[in-house]
Protein backbone atom coordinates (compact mmCIF):
# COMPACT_ATOMS: atom_id res chain seq x y z
CA UNK A 1 66.12 -83.48 53.45
CA UNK A 2 68.30 -83.25 56.56
CA UNK A 3 67.65 -80.02 58.43
CA UNK A 4 70.86 -78.05 58.92
CA UNK A 5 70.91 -74.73 60.98
CA UNK A 6 73.75 -72.60 62.30
CA UNK A 7 74.55 -70.08 64.96
CA UNK A 8 77.21 -67.89 63.33
CA UNK A 9 78.22 -65.13 65.81
CA UNK A 10 81.01 -62.53 65.29
CA UNK A 11 83.35 -63.07 68.26
CA UNK A 12 83.66 -59.44 69.05
CA UNK A 13 82.18 -59.32 72.65
CA UNK A 14 80.49 -61.33 75.33
CA UNK A 15 77.61 -63.66 74.62
CA UNK A 16 74.42 -61.92 75.38
CA UNK A 17 70.84 -62.97 75.89
CA UNK A 18 69.83 -62.15 72.36
CA UNK A 19 72.52 -64.29 70.90
CA UNK A 20 71.90 -67.04 73.29
CA UNK A 21 68.19 -67.01 72.41
CA UNK A 22 69.05 -67.21 68.53
CA UNK A 23 71.43 -70.14 69.26
CA UNK A 24 69.02 -71.99 71.47
CA UNK A 25 66.23 -71.62 68.90
CA UNK A 26 68.39 -73.03 66.21
CA UNK A 27 69.51 -75.86 68.50
CA UNK A 28 65.90 -76.77 69.55
CA UNK A 29 64.69 -76.69 65.90
CA UNK A 30 67.47 -78.97 64.75
CA UNK A 31 66.89 -81.40 67.62
CA UNK A 32 63.21 -81.38 67.18
CA UNK A 33 63.63 -82.78 63.59
CA UNK A 34 66.66 -84.82 64.00
CA UNK A 35 68.91 -82.31 62.08
CA UNK A 36 72.29 -80.82 62.61
CA UNK A 37 73.12 -77.80 64.67
CA UNK A 38 76.33 -75.94 63.56
CA UNK A 39 78.56 -73.38 65.07
CA UNK A 40 80.45 -71.04 62.59
CA UNK A 41 82.58 -68.12 63.73
CA UNK A 42 82.11 -65.22 61.44
CA UNK A 43 85.31 -63.43 62.26
CA UNK A 44 85.71 -61.35 59.16
CA UNK A 45 85.89 -58.09 61.22
CA UNK A 46 89.43 -58.66 62.19
CA UNK A 47 89.75 -55.34 63.94
CA UNK A 48 87.17 -56.27 66.67
CA UNK A 49 87.53 -60.07 66.95
CA UNK A 50 89.29 -61.08 70.14
CA UNK A 51 90.47 -64.30 71.63
CA UNK A 52 88.64 -63.47 74.89
CA UNK A 53 85.32 -63.23 72.89
CA UNK A 54 85.94 -66.69 71.31
CA UNK A 55 86.71 -68.13 74.82
CA UNK A 56 83.68 -66.60 76.22
CA UNK A 57 81.54 -68.07 73.48
CA UNK A 58 82.80 -71.72 74.33
CA UNK A 59 82.60 -71.19 77.99
CA UNK A 60 79.02 -69.86 77.86
CA UNK A 61 77.56 -72.80 75.89
CA UNK A 62 79.41 -75.27 77.94
CA UNK A 63 78.00 -73.81 81.00
CA UNK A 64 74.48 -73.85 79.51
CA UNK A 65 74.88 -77.41 78.31
CA UNK A 66 74.04 -76.64 74.53
CA UNK A 67 76.28 -78.59 72.23
CA UNK A 68 76.72 -78.29 68.46
CA UNK A 69 77.11 -81.13 66.01
CA UNK A 70 79.78 -79.43 63.78
CA UNK A 71 82.03 -76.45 64.60
CA UNK A 72 85.56 -75.19 65.20
CA UNK A 73 86.29 -77.18 68.31
CA UNK A 74 84.55 -80.58 67.17
CA UNK A 75 85.08 -80.47 63.38
CA UNK A 76 82.73 -81.71 60.70
CA UNK A 77 82.52 -82.43 56.89
CA UNK A 78 82.59 -78.76 56.02
CA UNK A 79 85.56 -77.53 58.06
CA UNK A 80 86.93 -75.04 58.69
CA UNK A 81 84.16 -73.48 60.70
CA UNK A 82 86.13 -70.30 61.25
CA UNK A 83 85.70 -67.67 58.32
CA UNK A 84 89.25 -66.35 58.61
CA UNK A 85 90.63 -69.85 57.79
CA UNK A 86 88.28 -69.91 54.74
CA UNK A 87 89.44 -66.68 53.22
CA UNK A 88 90.83 -68.29 50.08
CA UNK A 89 87.33 -69.50 49.10
CA UNK A 90 85.54 -66.09 48.92
CA UNK A 91 87.65 -64.29 46.33
CA UNK A 92 86.99 -67.33 43.96
CA UNK A 93 83.18 -66.75 44.32
CA UNK A 94 83.44 -62.96 44.14
CA UNK A 95 85.41 -63.37 40.79
CA UNK A 96 82.71 -65.86 39.56
CA UNK A 97 80.13 -63.08 40.02
CA UNK A 98 82.33 -60.69 38.04
CA UNK A 99 82.67 -63.14 35.33
CA UNK A 100 78.82 -63.39 35.21
CA UNK A 101 78.39 -59.66 35.18
CA UNK A 102 76.69 -59.89 38.62
CA UNK A 103 79.56 -57.87 40.20
CA UNK A 104 82.22 -55.48 39.30
CA UNK A 105 85.56 -53.98 40.23
CA UNK A 106 85.36 -50.67 42.11
CA UNK A 107 88.44 -48.56 42.16
CA UNK A 108 87.04 -45.62 44.26
CA UNK A 109 89.45 -44.80 47.18
CA UNK A 110 88.35 -43.77 50.54
CA UNK A 111 89.18 -39.99 49.78
CA UNK A 112 86.51 -40.08 46.96
CA UNK A 113 83.91 -41.86 48.99
CA UNK A 114 84.46 -39.44 51.95
CA UNK A 115 84.01 -36.41 49.56
CA UNK A 116 80.69 -37.81 48.15
CA UNK A 117 79.47 -38.40 51.68
CA UNK A 118 80.47 -34.80 52.67
CA UNK A 119 78.80 -33.38 49.54
CA UNK A 120 75.45 -35.13 50.31
CA UNK A 121 75.62 -33.95 53.88
CA UNK A 122 76.18 -30.31 52.82
CA UNK A 123 73.35 -30.44 50.31
CA UNK A 124 71.09 -32.40 52.67
CA UNK A 125 70.68 -35.10 50.08
CA UNK A 126 68.55 -38.09 50.96
CA UNK A 127 71.03 -40.48 48.91
CA UNK A 128 72.94 -42.76 51.04
CA UNK A 129 75.71 -45.54 50.03
CA UNK A 130 77.73 -45.92 47.12
CA UNK A 131 76.88 -43.81 44.02
CA UNK A 132 77.77 -46.77 41.66
CA UNK A 133 80.43 -44.59 39.79
CA UNK A 134 82.57 -47.73 38.78
CA UNK A 135 79.51 -49.64 37.73
CA UNK A 136 79.86 -47.78 34.41
CA UNK A 137 83.52 -48.81 33.86
CA UNK A 138 83.65 -51.23 30.82
CA UNK A 139 84.31 -54.82 31.98
CA UNK A 140 87.43 -55.15 29.86
CA UNK A 141 88.95 -51.88 31.14
CA UNK A 142 88.16 -52.91 34.77
CA UNK A 143 89.68 -56.29 34.48
CA UNK A 144 92.88 -54.66 32.94
CA UNK A 145 93.14 -52.19 35.77
CA UNK A 146 92.58 -54.91 38.38
CA UNK A 147 95.28 -57.19 36.70
CA UNK A 148 97.66 -54.39 36.77
CA UNK A 149 97.47 -54.14 40.49
CA UNK A 150 95.31 -51.02 40.93
CA UNK A 151 93.72 -51.04 44.31
CA UNK A 152 90.12 -52.12 44.19
CA UNK A 153 87.12 -53.98 45.87
CA UNK A 154 84.47 -55.98 44.25
CA UNK A 155 80.95 -54.86 44.58
CA UNK A 156 77.66 -56.63 44.01
CA UNK A 157 75.38 -55.44 41.14
CA UNK A 158 72.05 -54.86 42.63
CA UNK A 159 69.37 -55.21 39.86
CA UNK A 160 67.85 -51.81 39.44
CA UNK A 161 64.17 -50.95 39.24
CA UNK A 162 63.14 -54.37 40.48
CA UNK A 163 61.77 -55.97 43.66
CA UNK A 164 63.05 -58.84 45.66
CA UNK A 165 60.46 -61.20 46.79
CA UNK A 166 61.03 -63.99 49.53
CA UNK A 167 59.08 -65.72 52.11
CA UNK A 168 59.70 -65.66 55.81
CA UNK A 169 58.34 -68.50 58.01
CA UNK A 170 57.09 -66.04 60.72
CA UNK A 171 56.41 -62.89 58.86
CA UNK A 172 54.98 -64.36 55.57
CA UNK A 173 55.69 -62.99 52.10
CA UNK A 174 58.10 -60.12 52.00
CA UNK A 175 58.40 -57.75 49.09
CA UNK A 176 61.44 -55.28 49.08
CA UNK A 177 62.18 -52.66 46.51
CA UNK A 178 65.82 -53.05 45.33
CA UNK A 179 66.14 -49.24 45.34
CA UNK A 180 65.95 -49.67 49.20
CA UNK A 181 68.76 -52.13 49.26
CA UNK A 182 72.29 -51.02 50.19
CA UNK A 183 73.52 -49.67 46.87
CA UNK A 184 75.91 -52.06 45.32
CA UNK A 185 77.64 -53.27 48.54
CA UNK A 186 81.29 -54.56 48.75
CA UNK A 187 81.61 -58.19 48.65
CA UNK A 188 85.57 -58.39 48.60
CA UNK A 189 87.73 -55.81 50.28
CA UNK A 190 90.84 -54.49 48.92
CA UNK A 191 92.90 -56.75 51.23
CA UNK A 192 91.14 -59.73 49.73
CA UNK A 193 88.99 -60.36 52.94
CA UNK A 194 85.33 -60.83 52.41
CA UNK A 195 82.63 -58.75 53.92
CA UNK A 196 80.06 -60.25 56.11
CA UNK A 197 77.46 -60.60 53.34
CA UNK A 198 79.65 -62.52 50.90
CA UNK A 199 81.18 -64.98 53.52
CA UNK A 200 77.66 -65.48 55.16
CA UNK A 201 75.91 -66.54 51.94
CA UNK A 202 78.90 -68.56 50.53
CA UNK A 203 79.32 -70.48 53.76
CA UNK A 204 75.63 -71.20 54.38
CA UNK A 205 75.50 -72.58 50.70
CA UNK A 206 78.62 -74.68 51.05
CA UNK A 207 77.55 -76.01 54.51
CA UNK A 208 74.15 -77.00 53.05
CA UNK A 209 72.36 -74.82 55.63
CA UNK A 210 68.51 -75.40 54.99
CA UNK A 211 67.08 -72.85 57.38
CA UNK A 212 68.31 -69.46 58.73
CA UNK A 213 66.77 -68.58 62.14
CA UNK A 214 68.05 -65.13 63.23
CA UNK A 215 66.86 -61.92 64.81
CA UNK A 216 64.55 -59.61 63.10
CA UNK A 217 67.12 -56.88 63.09
CA UNK A 218 68.82 -58.98 60.28
CA UNK A 219 65.66 -58.59 58.14
CA UNK A 220 66.93 -55.70 56.14
CA UNK A 221 69.89 -57.77 55.03
CA UNK A 222 67.86 -60.57 53.75
CA UNK A 223 66.89 -59.03 50.41
CA UNK A 224 70.63 -58.48 49.73
CA UNK A 225 71.26 -62.08 50.58
CA UNK A 226 68.53 -63.36 48.34
CA UNK A 227 69.89 -61.24 45.39
CA UNK A 228 73.23 -62.90 46.01
CA UNK A 229 71.83 -66.41 46.12
CA UNK A 230 70.09 -65.73 42.86
CA UNK A 231 73.05 -64.19 41.29
CA UNK A 232 74.98 -67.28 41.87
CA UNK A 233 72.16 -69.52 40.65
CA UNK A 234 71.76 -70.99 44.14
CA UNK A 235 68.58 -71.87 46.15
CA UNK A 236 68.33 -69.81 49.36
CA UNK A 237 67.62 -71.28 52.70
CA UNK A 238 64.29 -70.89 54.35
CA UNK A 239 64.24 -67.77 56.50
CA UNK A 240 62.72 -67.21 59.84
CA UNK A 241 63.43 -63.87 61.50
CA UNK A 242 62.81 -64.27 65.31
CA UNK A 243 60.88 -61.80 67.45
CA UNK A 244 62.98 -59.12 69.17
CA UNK A 245 63.75 -59.28 72.85
CA UNK A 246 62.76 -56.08 74.46
CA UNK A 247 63.14 -54.47 77.86
CA UNK A 248 59.95 -53.68 79.75
CA UNK A 249 60.19 -50.09 78.40
CA UNK A 250 59.54 -51.49 75.06
CA UNK A 251 63.13 -50.78 73.72
CA UNK A 252 65.60 -53.34 72.57
CA UNK A 253 67.18 -55.20 75.41
CA UNK A 254 70.48 -53.66 76.26
CA UNK A 255 72.76 -52.83 79.16
CA UNK A 256 70.62 -50.14 80.41
CA UNK A 257 68.06 -52.79 81.35
CA UNK A 258 70.59 -54.67 83.59
CA UNK A 259 72.47 -57.78 83.08
CA UNK A 260 72.40 -58.96 79.37
CA UNK A 261 75.82 -60.70 79.11
CA UNK A 262 75.51 -64.32 80.26
CA UNK A 263 78.61 -63.86 82.36
CA UNK A 264 76.66 -61.40 84.56
CA UNK A 265 73.82 -63.72 85.13
CA UNK A 266 76.27 -66.54 85.95
CA UNK A 267 78.12 -64.51 88.41
CA UNK A 268 74.94 -63.41 90.20
CA UNK A 269 74.09 -66.99 90.84
CA UNK A 270 71.61 -67.95 88.08
CA UNK A 271 71.48 -71.56 87.19
CA UNK A 272 71.99 -72.61 83.59
CA UNK A 273 68.70 -74.54 83.46
CA UNK A 274 66.71 -71.61 84.80
CA UNK A 275 68.23 -69.17 82.14
CA UNK A 276 67.74 -71.68 79.31
CA UNK A 277 64.06 -72.42 80.33
CA UNK A 278 63.27 -68.78 80.49
CA UNK A 279 65.12 -67.71 77.38
CA UNK A 280 63.34 -70.61 75.42
CA UNK A 281 59.96 -69.02 76.43
CA UNK A 282 60.85 -65.65 74.92
CA UNK A 283 58.76 -65.50 71.81
CA UNK A 284 57.68 -69.15 71.66
CA UNK A 285 55.10 -71.42 73.34
CA UNK A 286 55.46 -75.07 74.04
CA UNK A 287 52.67 -76.76 76.22
CA UNK A 288 49.70 -75.23 77.85
CA UNK A 289 49.66 -75.02 81.51
CA UNK A 290 53.47 -75.56 81.95
CA UNK A 291 56.41 -73.20 82.58
CA UNK A 292 59.14 -75.67 83.65
CA UNK A 293 60.81 -77.74 80.88
CA UNK A 294 64.04 -79.54 80.65
CA UNK A 295 66.14 -79.00 77.55
CA UNK A 296 65.32 -82.37 76.15
CA UNK A 297 61.55 -81.43 76.57
CA UNK A 298 62.00 -78.15 74.96
CA UNK A 299 63.71 -79.79 72.00
CA UNK A 300 60.97 -82.35 71.56
CA UNK A 301 58.15 -79.69 71.76
CA UNK A 302 59.79 -76.85 69.78
CA UNK A 303 58.00 -75.89 66.59
CA UNK A 304 58.30 -72.89 64.28
CA UNK A 305 54.52 -72.65 64.18
CA UNK A 306 54.57 -71.81 67.86
CA UNK A 307 56.77 -68.76 67.45
CA UNK A 308 55.21 -65.39 68.11
CA UNK A 309 55.43 -62.39 65.91
CA UNK A 310 55.20 -59.80 68.66
CA UNK A 311 58.42 -58.95 70.46
CA UNK A 312 59.14 -60.72 73.64
CA UNK A 313 59.61 -58.74 76.93
CA UNK A 314 62.48 -59.73 79.12
CA UNK A 315 61.13 -59.82 82.65
CA UNK A 316 63.73 -60.07 85.37
CA UNK A 317 61.15 -60.92 88.08
CA UNK A 318 59.99 -63.86 86.02
CA UNK A 319 63.50 -65.08 85.45
CA UNK A 320 64.11 -64.77 89.20
CA UNK A 321 61.10 -67.02 89.78
CA UNK A 322 62.58 -69.66 87.38
CA UNK A 323 65.82 -69.57 89.13
CA UNK A 324 64.34 -70.13 92.45
CA UNK A 325 62.29 -73.05 91.09
CA UNK A 326 65.46 -74.67 89.79
CA UNK A 327 67.33 -74.08 92.98
CA UNK A 328 64.59 -75.95 94.75
CA UNK A 329 64.67 -78.81 92.18
CA UNK A 330 68.41 -79.44 93.02
CA UNK A 331 69.12 -82.03 95.64
CA UNK A 332 70.81 -80.64 98.87
CA UNK A 333 74.19 -82.25 97.85
CA UNK A 334 74.05 -80.73 94.33
CA UNK A 335 73.00 -77.36 95.73
CA UNK A 336 75.86 -77.40 98.20
CA UNK A 337 78.40 -78.08 95.31
CA UNK A 338 76.93 -75.18 93.29
CA UNK A 339 76.64 -72.77 96.17
CA UNK A 340 79.99 -73.26 97.77
CA UNK A 341 81.95 -70.95 95.45
CA UNK A 342 79.54 -68.17 96.01
CA UNK A 343 79.87 -68.62 99.78
CA UNK A 344 83.77 -68.49 99.52
CA UNK A 345 83.77 -65.44 97.22
CA UNK A 346 81.02 -63.83 99.38
CA UNK A 347 83.24 -63.92 102.46
CA UNK A 348 81.13 -66.39 104.41
CA UNK A 349 83.96 -68.26 106.00
CA UNK A 350 86.20 -65.20 106.58
CA UNK A 351 87.74 -62.60 104.18
CA UNK A 352 86.53 -63.12 100.62
CA UNK A 353 88.18 -66.12 99.06
CA UNK A 354 88.81 -67.96 102.42
CA UNK A 355 88.60 -71.69 102.03
CA UNK A 356 86.33 -73.29 104.71
CA UNK A 357 87.59 -75.63 107.31
CA UNK A 358 86.09 -79.11 107.48
CA UNK A 359 83.77 -78.11 110.28
CA UNK A 360 82.67 -74.92 108.50
CA UNK A 361 81.98 -76.81 105.42
CA UNK A 362 79.98 -79.45 107.30
CA UNK A 363 77.96 -76.61 108.86
CA UNK A 364 77.45 -74.98 105.52
CA UNK A 365 76.20 -78.23 104.04
CA UNK A 366 73.77 -78.66 107.06
CA UNK A 367 72.49 -75.12 106.76
CA UNK A 368 71.66 -74.99 103.16
CA UNK A 369 68.34 -76.75 103.61
CA UNK A 370 67.33 -73.88 106.01
CA UNK A 371 67.40 -71.37 103.17
CA UNK A 372 66.80 -73.41 100.08
CA UNK A 373 63.09 -72.55 99.92
CA UNK A 374 63.94 -68.76 100.41
CA UNK A 375 66.74 -68.52 97.70
CA UNK A 376 66.30 -66.74 94.43
CA UNK A 377 70.01 -66.49 93.74
CA UNK A 378 73.11 -68.36 94.80
CA UNK A 379 74.85 -65.10 95.70
CA UNK A 380 72.35 -64.51 98.44
CA UNK A 381 73.71 -67.34 100.49
CA UNK A 382 76.40 -65.52 102.46
CA UNK A 383 73.93 -62.82 103.51
CA UNK A 384 71.33 -65.34 104.63
CA UNK A 385 73.77 -67.72 106.51
CA UNK A 386 76.30 -65.24 107.76
CA UNK A 387 75.08 -65.42 111.40
CA UNK A 388 76.11 -69.06 111.49
CA UNK A 389 79.76 -68.36 110.79
CA UNK A 390 80.40 -65.12 112.61
CA UNK A 391 78.92 -63.40 115.66
CA UNK A 392 76.22 -60.96 114.62
CA UNK A 393 76.16 -57.48 115.82
CA UNK A 394 73.62 -56.97 118.55
CA UNK A 395 70.64 -54.90 117.23
CA UNK A 396 69.20 -51.95 118.87
CA UNK A 397 66.93 -52.92 121.89
CA UNK A 398 63.72 -52.19 120.09
CA UNK A 399 64.39 -54.92 117.61
CA UNK A 400 63.98 -57.47 120.46
CA UNK A 401 60.50 -56.05 121.56
CA UNK A 402 57.43 -57.70 120.07
CA UNK A 403 54.56 -55.42 119.12
CA UNK A 404 52.62 -54.10 121.89
CA UNK A 405 55.12 -55.40 124.58
CA UNK A 406 57.95 -53.50 126.44
CA UNK A 407 61.65 -54.08 127.03
CA UNK A 408 61.07 -55.64 130.50
CA UNK A 409 58.72 -58.26 128.96
CA UNK A 410 61.21 -58.91 126.06
CA UNK A 411 64.02 -59.59 128.60
CA UNK A 412 61.65 -61.92 130.45
CA UNK A 413 60.77 -63.84 127.25
CA UNK A 414 64.44 -63.96 126.26
CA UNK A 415 65.40 -65.62 129.58
CA UNK A 416 62.59 -68.10 129.38
CA UNK A 417 63.91 -69.00 125.78
CA UNK A 418 67.48 -69.28 127.17
CA UNK A 419 66.23 -72.03 129.46
CA UNK A 420 65.07 -74.03 126.53
CA UNK A 421 68.04 -73.83 124.43
CA UNK A 422 70.03 -76.92 125.68
CA UNK A 423 67.20 -79.18 125.14
CA UNK A 424 66.08 -77.80 121.81
CA UNK A 425 69.54 -77.96 120.23
CA UNK A 426 69.25 -81.76 120.40
CA UNK A 427 65.67 -82.17 119.37
CA UNK A 428 63.87 -82.35 116.07
CA UNK A 429 61.93 -79.40 114.77
CA UNK A 430 58.60 -80.97 115.76
CA UNK A 431 59.73 -81.67 119.42
CA UNK A 432 61.31 -78.18 119.79
CA UNK A 433 58.12 -76.52 118.46
CA UNK A 434 56.05 -78.43 121.06
CA UNK A 435 58.35 -77.33 123.75
CA UNK A 436 58.30 -73.62 122.70
CA UNK A 437 54.48 -73.68 122.38
CA UNK A 438 54.16 -75.19 125.87
CA UNK A 439 56.53 -72.54 127.38
CA UNK A 440 54.77 -69.70 125.50
CA UNK A 441 51.35 -70.80 126.67
CA UNK A 442 52.74 -71.00 130.32
CA UNK A 443 54.14 -67.48 129.93
CA UNK A 444 50.96 -66.16 128.60
CA UNK A 445 52.55 -65.05 125.36
CA UNK A 446 51.86 -65.55 121.64
CA UNK A 447 54.19 -68.05 120.01
CA UNK A 448 55.58 -65.40 117.63
CA UNK A 449 56.27 -62.90 120.62
CA UNK A 450 57.96 -65.62 122.60
CA UNK A 451 60.23 -66.58 119.66
CA UNK A 452 61.23 -63.03 118.53
CA UNK A 453 63.69 -62.02 121.33
CA UNK A 454 65.50 -65.36 120.98
CA UNK A 455 65.57 -65.23 117.17
CA UNK A 456 67.05 -61.73 117.25
CA UNK A 457 69.60 -62.74 119.96
CA UNK A 458 70.79 -65.63 117.87
CA UNK A 459 70.55 -64.35 114.30
CA UNK A 460 70.85 -60.65 114.67
CA UNK A 461 67.68 -60.17 112.80
CA UNK A 462 63.90 -60.46 113.22
CA UNK A 463 63.73 -62.20 109.88
CA UNK A 464 66.00 -65.38 109.50
CA UNK A 465 66.08 -69.01 108.42
CA UNK A 466 64.29 -71.42 110.68
CA UNK A 467 65.46 -71.03 114.24
CA UNK A 468 65.31 -74.55 115.49
CA UNK A 469 67.69 -75.79 112.73
CA UNK A 470 69.99 -72.91 113.39
CA UNK A 471 70.10 -73.94 117.00
CA UNK A 472 71.20 -77.44 116.14
CA UNK A 473 73.85 -76.15 113.85
CA UNK A 474 75.35 -73.52 116.22
CA UNK A 475 75.13 -75.88 119.20
CA UNK A 476 73.66 -74.96 122.78
CA UNK A 477 76.96 -73.38 123.92
CA UNK A 478 77.17 -70.75 121.17
CA UNK A 479 73.62 -69.93 121.30
CA UNK A 480 73.51 -69.47 125.07
CA UNK A 481 76.61 -67.24 124.82
CA UNK A 482 74.74 -65.17 122.22
CA UNK A 483 71.64 -64.96 124.39
CA UNK A 484 73.76 -63.83 127.38
CA UNK A 485 75.52 -61.14 125.33
CA UNK A 486 72.09 -59.93 124.31
CA UNK A 487 70.56 -60.12 127.78
CA UNK A 488 73.53 -57.95 129.10
CA UNK A 489 72.92 -55.33 126.35
CA UNK A 490 69.25 -55.17 126.92
CA UNK A 491 69.56 -54.85 130.69
CA UNK A 492 71.86 -51.97 130.27
CA UNK A 493 69.84 -50.24 127.65
């Protein structure tokens, strides 16, 4: 049997972490067994479906590098993969259920349904859902009324007083009382459009889906789907309801926990490999003693047996660590290409959006290795390298003064450092360090104390990327000019 799985989102909003995790697990499962991964757009909610959401879906997975074998944009043997383009199918199957006495016509209008709802609220009744009023209408009468054009929907007949049993790969045997299932839900709306449940079951059957991997929030819908499969006389797919993704407060991950749409992560400078690697670990394990996996390795190692029942906790700090690791795995040239758009939008070369000159771009490429080991996000680059592309403000005098020293000593050390700049700007890090060590020893100063006034004068901060590399990129002339500005300020302090 060929394994066939699907990711079937409703394109009503941006792709978020929960959806990406579901898609990724389906993708990995299919790849691990040589099966097929299918994308299907479940756009039956016409009031909320948007072109922007569809575009975001495609853009997100292209950025992540996750590709489907069949789908709206690539085709396949069961096209169309867009439910709104398959609408003619669903009425046929709904009528089949009516003919088998597994479903029925319902003529209740919205006014009656609203009245029942209000009466229940007023009486504080525990009853919910449809009251099955039209279930008692004789089949011949109902068919005649429908044929005459009386507005109607088609509802599923939930078997009363029974239980629905099914097995979930992760949760084991599930037993659900039919009395707890949504009472006789609508399958086909009055406009002829299917509800989610009918379209989902029909499409999974026709597309030969063998396994349904989806979030545990869909578990209450599964008894209804199983009832529908059995009503049709079809075998249902194997189910696996994935553990929830929670915030660190133990509640379902949402916007209140920070970025959850993939666009937000992308805009903040996360790398797709880092996001995929981390999301793949939310509720699953792969190989002991390892955290970093390529997409190909994840696909090779993925097993349903290694899924966890417990909810997964989304840890932004852990994701930040992953992102830093993947930044450092990039070559300098690759990182420069990835980082340049963030430098431009962050105003590194002038007002935000300013395209760098050839000289600025060369300096940017040369400077990236200075901060590569310190980066967690690509958007941090303008803040870390800004001093190389514009004159930093001169800090307050106390910023130049090493601990336990005074202003006069700081000025003296800065003047000694100034004398070394011309030589250091043309030397390797090792040679420059030896030169500074010797000068510090002669001056009777600790190496850190000797370097601090020079660092602050050049970069505007006590904490900065490696100073020797910065000197080479700026050049002796610019560095000496900055030191002289700082000295003038300190002597007038």
